Amino acid sequence: MTTVELAGAYATVANNGVYRTPLYYTKITNSAGEVIYESKQEETRVFSEQTAWLLQDLMKEPVYSSVGTAGSSRISGQECRGKTGTTNNNSSASFCGYTKYYTAAVWLGFDREADGTNATNADSGLCARLYQAIMSKVHTGLPSKGWDRPSGITTAVVCSTSGKLATDECRQDPEGNKAYSEYFKAGTVPSETCNIHKKIEICNKTGKLATENCTDKTAKVFITRPDSETNQNWKSAQDAKYMAPIEVCEECKKPVVQEPEDVNNVTNGNTINNNVINNVTNTNTNKNNTNNSGATNNTVNNMTNTSTNR
């Protein structure tokens, strides 16, 4: 991509999604002031006005954010957008920025990439400063202008880690709240909730995943990754220390509960004892009957009469 093509692409964003063919000149006149040639600029809508506005909002960050790389490109009195760029081996650096009036691109590098790399101070930041020095003069005397948000733009609270709808767990990320409000083109708001932040119970004794046998445990919010058990590349990530553990606690054992005595056995034992008692009672009765065997005939007769009345 040439520098002109880069400027033309960024100008499409500045023009709310309409691409205009870049021009090196607008017209040619003769010594008498007569127009002998006039350029014709073709226009083509590349994307919607809503998509363009979202890109415009996105490109505020490099220019106005405290951690942006293009703060030095700001033009007093104008709303500015832009982005720095650097190749992997630092052989080229660039900045492309725009206002409501003009778009310009600055490139620093070598005709051939193999010829060398930029010096430490010849980076994309220098490109942004060159842009500012030139474009400030170009905008001298021009009234301040910016971009209005079009219809068809909505907002939603999403997780900055997953890009999906935020949950309470996203707000409890170990590194801080990851939920924030973001702009979306109507109809493109995420429908799924974050699946990276999860609240998991951890055994305080072992630091591993708690089981039902762990009595001392705490629920904490961790980040998770797909296939974390089989793919170990996540261990080298900066946030690896906030990953959920994958090992399950095996030290906490299920408490041993003493089984109660069998109630049936106890009952049966009482039954046996009662039978024994009955046998003893019958034996005693028989003995008494034997001892009284020598009773008088009168007594026997009385017993017989009593039985007959009954």
Protein backbone atom coordinates (compact mmCIF):
# COMPACT_ATOMS: atom_id res chain seq x y z
CA MET A 1 0.00 0.00 0.00
CA THR A 2 1.30 3.43 -0.95
CA THR A 3 1.08 6.51 1.24
CA VAL A 4 -1.57 7.96 -1.11
CA GLU A 5 -3.65 4.80 -0.84
CA LEU A 6 -3.36 4.93 2.96
CA ALA A 7 -4.58 8.52 2.99
CA GLY A 8 -7.47 7.61 0.67
CA ALA A 9 -8.55 4.78 2.97
CA TYR A 10 -8.54 6.98 6.08
CA ALA A 11 -10.36 9.73 4.19
CA THR A 12 -13.18 7.23 3.58
CA VAL A 13 -13.67 7.03 7.36
CA ALA A 14 -13.55 10.82 7.65
CA ASN A 15 -16.16 11.10 4.86
CA ASN A 16 -18.66 8.89 6.76
CA GLY A 17 -18.01 5.81 4.64
CA VAL A 18 -17.74 7.40 1.18
CA TYR A 19 -14.52 6.78 -0.76
CA ARG A 20 -13.28 9.63 -2.92
CA THR A 21 -10.53 9.15 -5.48
CA PRO A 22 -7.38 10.96 -4.24
CA LEU A 23 -6.36 13.93 -6.36
CA TYR A 24 -2.95 15.46 -6.95
CA TYR A 25 -4.53 18.59 -8.43
CA THR A 26 -8.04 19.90 -9.03
CA LYS A 27 -7.59 21.80 -12.30
CA ILE A 28 -5.11 23.24 -14.78
CA THR A 29 -5.38 26.76 -16.18
CA ASN A 30 -3.47 28.61 -18.86
CA SER A 31 -1.80 31.99 -18.61
CA ALA A 32 -5.13 33.66 -19.27
CA GLY A 33 -6.77 31.90 -16.37
CA GLU A 34 -8.81 29.63 -18.55
CA VAL A 35 -9.45 26.07 -17.29
CA ILE A 36 -7.93 23.65 -19.72
CA TYR A 37 -8.28 20.56 -17.54
CA GLU A 38 -10.36 19.80 -14.43
CA SER A 39 -10.10 16.64 -12.36
CA LYS A 40 -13.20 14.61 -11.69
CA GLN A 41 -13.37 12.99 -8.30
CA GLU A 42 -15.42 9.80 -8.20
CA GLU A 43 -17.32 8.81 -5.06
CA THR A 44 -18.25 5.31 -3.89
CA ARG A 45 -19.97 4.35 -0.63
CA VAL A 46 -17.82 1.65 0.94
CA PHE A 47 -19.57 1.15 4.27
CA SER A 48 -22.44 2.61 6.26
CA GLU A 49 -22.44 5.91 8.07
CA GLN A 50 -22.84 4.01 11.35
CA THR A 51 -19.76 1.87 10.69
CA ALA A 52 -17.77 4.96 9.78
CA TRP A 53 -18.78 6.68 13.02
CA LEU A 54 -17.72 3.67 15.06
CA LEU A 55 -14.30 3.80 13.40
CA GLN A 56 -14.11 7.54 14.07
CA ASP A 57 -14.86 6.91 17.73
CA LEU A 58 -12.27 4.14 17.83
CA MET A 59 -9.56 6.35 16.36
CA LYS A 60 -9.96 8.92 19.12
CA GLU A 61 -8.04 6.64 21.48
CA PRO A 62 -4.54 6.96 19.93
CA VAL A 63 -4.94 10.75 19.82
CA TYR A 64 -6.69 11.56 23.12
CA SER A 65 -6.08 8.60 25.42
CA SER A 66 -3.47 8.95 28.16
CA VAL A 67 -1.73 5.86 26.78
CA GLY A 68 -2.22 6.76 23.11
CA THR A 69 0.74 6.88 20.72
CA ALA A 70 -0.43 9.89 18.68
CA GLY A 71 -1.08 12.63 21.22
CA SER A 72 1.46 14.86 19.48
CA SER A 73 -0.73 14.95 16.32
CA ARG A 74 -3.47 17.10 17.86
CA ILE A 75 -4.42 20.26 16.01
CA SER A 76 -5.67 23.11 18.15
CA GLY A 77 -9.36 23.90 17.65
CA GLN A 78 -10.12 20.78 15.59
CA GLU A 79 -11.40 17.29 16.36
CA CYS A 80 -8.65 14.91 15.34
CA ARG A 81 -8.47 11.21 14.63
CA GLY A 82 -5.54 9.03 13.62
CA LYS A 83 -3.34 5.99 14.12
CA THR A 84 0.38 5.34 14.21
CA GLY A 85 1.98 2.35 12.54
CA THR A 86 5.30 0.51 12.68
CA THR A 87 6.49 -2.56 10.79
CA ASN A 88 7.68 -5.58 12.75
CA ASN A 89 11.38 -4.92 12.15
CA ASN A 90 11.10 -1.11 12.50
CA SER A 91 12.15 -0.56 8.91
CA SER A 92 9.09 1.68 8.34
CA ALA A 93 6.96 3.98 10.49
CA SER A 94 3.86 5.96 9.65
CA PHE A 95 1.00 8.08 10.90
CA CYS A 96 -2.28 8.77 9.17
CA GLY A 97 -4.69 11.31 10.60
CA TYR A 98 -7.71 13.33 9.62
CA THR A 99 -10.03 16.13 10.59
CA LYS A 100 -13.41 17.09 9.23
CA TYR A 101 -11.53 19.05 6.54
CA TYR A 102 -8.46 17.08 5.46
CA THR A 103 -6.69 13.72 5.66
CA ALA A 104 -2.94 13.25 5.44
CA ALA A 105 -0.47 10.38 5.79
CA VAL A 106 3.22 10.55 6.78
CA TRP A 107 5.69 7.73 6.18
CA LEU A 108 9.32 7.31 7.17
CA GLY A 109 11.44 4.45 5.87
CA PHE A 110 13.67 3.07 3.18
CA ASP A 111 12.99 2.48 -0.49
CA ARG A 112 13.99 -1.10 0.14
CA GLU A 113 13.13 -2.72 3.44
CA ALA A 114 16.45 -4.56 3.54
CA ASP A 115 18.38 -1.28 3.52
CA GLY A 116 18.08 -0.83 7.27
CA THR A 117 15.91 0.21 10.18
CA ASN A 118 14.81 3.58 11.49
CA ALA A 119 16.84 5.24 14.20
CA THR A 120 15.39 5.32 17.70
CA ASN A 121 13.90 8.81 17.24
CA ALA A 122 12.59 8.15 13.71
CA ASP A 123 9.51 6.24 14.79
CA SER A 124 5.76 6.63 14.34
CA GLY A 125 5.75 9.32 17.03
CA LEU A 126 7.94 11.47 14.79
CA CYS A 127 5.50 10.87 11.95
CA ALA A 128 2.69 12.19 14.19
CA ARG A 129 4.72 15.31 15.02
CA LEU A 130 5.46 15.97 11.35
CA TYR A 131 1.74 15.61 10.58
CA GLN A 132 0.88 18.13 13.30
CA ALA A 133 3.45 20.66 12.11
CA ILE A 134 2.10 20.59 8.56
CA MET A 135 -1.62 20.24 9.20
CA SER A 136 -1.73 22.97 11.84
CA LYS A 137 -0.81 25.49 9.14
CA VAL A 138 -3.27 23.95 6.69
CA HIS A 139 -6.12 24.45 9.22
CA THR A 140 -5.23 28.03 10.12
CA GLY A 141 -8.38 30.15 10.27
CA LEU A 142 -10.79 27.23 9.78
CA PRO A 143 -13.72 26.98 12.24
CA SER A 144 -13.82 23.97 14.53
CA LYS A 145 -15.71 20.97 13.18
CA GLY A 146 -16.38 17.38 14.26
CA TRP A 147 -18.62 14.40 13.65
CA ASP A 148 -22.15 13.94 14.96
CA ARG A 149 -23.32 10.52 16.06
CA PRO A 150 -25.80 9.21 13.48
CA SER A 151 -29.00 7.33 14.21
CA GLY A 152 -28.74 3.56 14.42
CA ILE A 153 -26.06 3.60 17.12
CA THR A 154 -26.74 1.94 20.48
CA THR A 155 -24.77 1.07 23.61
CA ALA A 156 -24.27 -2.05 25.70
CA VAL A 157 -22.15 -3.03 28.72
CA VAL A 158 -19.60 -5.61 27.61
CA CYS A 159 -16.55 -7.39 28.99
CA SER A 160 -13.27 -6.00 27.71
CA THR A 161 -11.68 -9.46 27.94
CA SER A 162 -14.24 -11.56 26.05
CA GLY A 163 -16.09 -8.86 24.06
CA LYS A 164 -19.38 -10.40 25.16
CA LEU A 165 -22.08 -9.05 27.44
CA ALA A 166 -20.64 -8.40 30.88
CA THR A 167 -21.64 -10.34 34.00
CA ASP A 168 -21.13 -9.64 37.71
CA GLU A 169 -18.02 -11.81 37.54
CA CYS A 170 -16.50 -9.46 34.92
CA ARG A 171 -16.73 -6.65 37.46
CA GLN A 172 -14.83 -8.79 39.98
CA ASP A 173 -11.85 -9.60 37.75
CA PRO A 174 -8.67 -9.92 39.86
CA GLU A 175 -7.10 -7.12 37.81
CA GLY A 176 -10.09 -4.81 38.20
CA ASN A 177 -13.47 -4.13 36.67
CA LYS A 178 -13.58 -5.37 33.07
CA ALA A 179 -17.12 -4.21 32.32
CA TYR A 180 -17.52 -1.03 30.28
CA SER A 181 -20.05 0.67 28.02
CA GLU A 182 -19.41 0.32 24.28
CA TYR A 183 -21.06 1.67 21.13
CA PHE A 184 -22.60 -0.72 18.61
CA LYS A 185 -24.38 -0.51 15.32
CA ALA A 186 -28.03 -1.39 15.97
CA GLY A 187 -28.53 -5.12 15.59
CA THR A 188 -24.90 -6.04 16.29
CA VAL A 189 -24.94 -6.05 20.10
CA PRO A 190 -23.47 -9.36 21.39
CA SER A 191 -26.11 -11.91 22.37
CA GLU A 192 -23.87 -14.15 24.49
CA THR A 193 -22.62 -13.41 27.99
CA CYS A 194 -18.97 -13.58 29.01
CA ASN A 195 -17.68 -17.14 29.35
CA ILE A 196 -14.19 -16.23 30.50
CA HIS A 197 -14.88 -14.89 33.99
CA LYS A 198 -16.20 -17.56 36.36
CA LYS A 199 -16.74 -17.75 40.11
CA ILE A 200 -15.29 -21.01 41.43
CA GLU A 201 -15.02 -22.51 44.91
CA ILE A 202 -11.43 -23.10 46.00
CA CYS A 203 -10.24 -25.24 48.89
CA ASN A 204 -8.39 -22.91 51.27
CA LYS A 205 -6.25 -25.78 52.47
CA THR A 206 -4.83 -26.86 49.10
CA GLY A 207 -5.65 -23.99 46.73
CA LYS A 208 -7.21 -26.47 44.35
CA LEU A 209 -10.76 -26.89 43.07
CA ALA A 210 -12.95 -27.62 46.06
CA THR A 211 -15.10 -30.74 46.33
CA GLU A 212 -18.06 -31.53 48.55
CA ASN A 213 -15.57 -32.95 51.05
CA CYS A 214 -13.78 -29.60 51.53
CA THR A 215 -15.14 -27.83 54.59
CA ASP A 216 -12.93 -24.70 54.37
CA LYS A 217 -13.46 -23.14 50.95
CA THR A 218 -13.89 -19.71 49.33
CA ALA A 219 -15.65 -18.62 46.14
CA LYS A 220 -13.35 -16.50 43.93
CA VAL A 221 -13.53 -15.07 40.41
CA PHE A 222 -10.98 -16.44 37.94
CA ILE A 223 -10.42 -16.21 34.22
CA THR A 224 -10.71 -19.37 32.14
CA ARG A 225 -9.54 -20.36 28.68
CA PRO A 226 -10.86 -22.98 26.27
CA ASP A 227 -8.98 -26.29 26.41
CA SER A 228 -6.82 -25.03 29.28
CA GLU A 229 -6.28 -28.60 30.48
CA THR A 230 -4.84 -29.80 27.17
CA ASN A 231 -3.30 -26.57 25.83
CA GLN A 232 -0.73 -25.26 28.27
CA ASN A 233 0.32 -22.18 26.24
CA TRP A 234 -1.73 -19.95 28.56
CA LYS A 235 0.89 -20.45 31.29
CA SER A 236 3.14 -17.92 29.56
CA ALA A 237 0.44 -15.23 29.39
CA GLN A 238 0.72 -12.12 31.57
CA ASP A 239 -2.54 -12.93 33.34
CA ALA A 240 -1.71 -16.60 33.89
CA LYS A 241 -1.68 -16.11 37.66
CA TYR A 242 -5.38 -15.26 37.52
CA MET A 243 -6.30 -18.48 35.74
CA ALA A 244 -8.60 -20.91 37.51
CA PRO A 245 -6.79 -23.97 38.88
CA ILE A 246 -7.40 -27.19 36.99
CA GLU A 247 -6.43 -29.65 39.73
CA VAL A 248 -9.10 -30.99 42.09
CA CYS A 249 -8.48 -31.25 45.83
CA GLU A 250 -7.87 -34.84 46.90
CA GLU A 251 -6.62 -34.22 50.44
CA CYS A 252 -10.01 -33.48 51.96
CA LYS A 253 -11.67 -36.83 52.53
CA LYS A 254 -15.29 -37.63 53.18
CA PRO A 255 -15.82 -37.71 56.98
CA VAL A 256 -16.42 -41.18 58.43
CA VAL A 257 -19.87 -41.47 60.02
CA GLN A 258 -20.46 -44.34 62.51
CA GLU A 259 -23.41 -46.45 61.50
CA PRO A 260 -26.19 -46.64 64.13
CA GLU A 261 -26.95 -50.06 65.79
CA ASP A 262 -29.44 -52.14 63.84
CA VAL A 263 -32.83 -51.46 65.40
CA ASN A 264 -34.22 -54.78 64.21
CA ASN A 265 -31.52 -56.73 65.98
CA VAL A 266 -32.25 -54.87 69.20
CA THR A 267 -35.97 -55.59 68.87
CA ASN A 268 -35.37 -59.24 68.12
CA GLY A 269 -33.14 -59.46 71.14
CA ASN A 270 -35.91 -58.11 73.34
CA THR A 271 -38.32 -60.66 71.86
CA ILE A 272 -35.99 -63.50 72.71
CA ASN A 273 -35.61 -62.22 76.24
CA ASN A 274 -39.36 -61.97 76.62
CA ASN A 275 -39.72 -65.60 75.51
CA VAL A 276 -37.16 -66.61 78.05
CA ILE A 277 -39.05 -64.66 80.71
CA ASN A 278 -42.30 -66.37 79.69
CA ASN A 279 -40.66 -69.77 79.88
CA VAL A 280 -39.34 -68.98 83.32
CA THR A 281 -42.81 -67.81 84.39
CA ASN A 282 -44.45 -70.96 83.08
CA THR A 283 -41.87 -73.08 84.83
CA ASN A 284 -42.58 -71.33 88.11
CA THR A 285 -46.27 -71.83 87.61
CA ASN A 286 -45.80 -75.51 86.98
CA LYS A 287 -43.75 -75.80 90.13
CA ASN A 288 -46.48 -74.15 92.15
CA ASN A 289 -49.03 -76.50 90.66
CA THR A 290 -46.85 -79.46 91.62
CA ASN A 291 -46.45 -78.22 95.17
CA ASN A 292 -50.21 -77.90 95.51
CA SER A 293 -50.91 -81.38 94.15
CA GLY A 294 -51.61 -82.63 97.64
CA ALA A 295 -54.56 -80.33 98.15
CA THR A 296 -57.78 -81.69 99.70
CA ASN A 297 -60.62 -83.01 97.66
CA ASN A 298 -62.69 -80.10 98.79
CA THR A 299 -60.35 -77.70 97.18
CA VAL A 300 -60.52 -79.69 93.96
CA ASN A 301 -64.23 -79.75 94.08
CA ASN A 302 -64.37 -76.02 94.62
CA MET A 303 -62.19 -75.50 91.57
CA THR A 304 -64.47 -77.76 89.57
CA ASN A 305 -67.57 -75.91 90.61
CA THR A 306 -66.00 -72.61 89.78
CA SER A 307 -65.11 -73.84 86.36
CA THR A 308 -68.68 -75.09 85.78
CA ASN A 309 -70.23 -71.72 86.65
CA ARG A 310 -68.04 -70.06 84.13
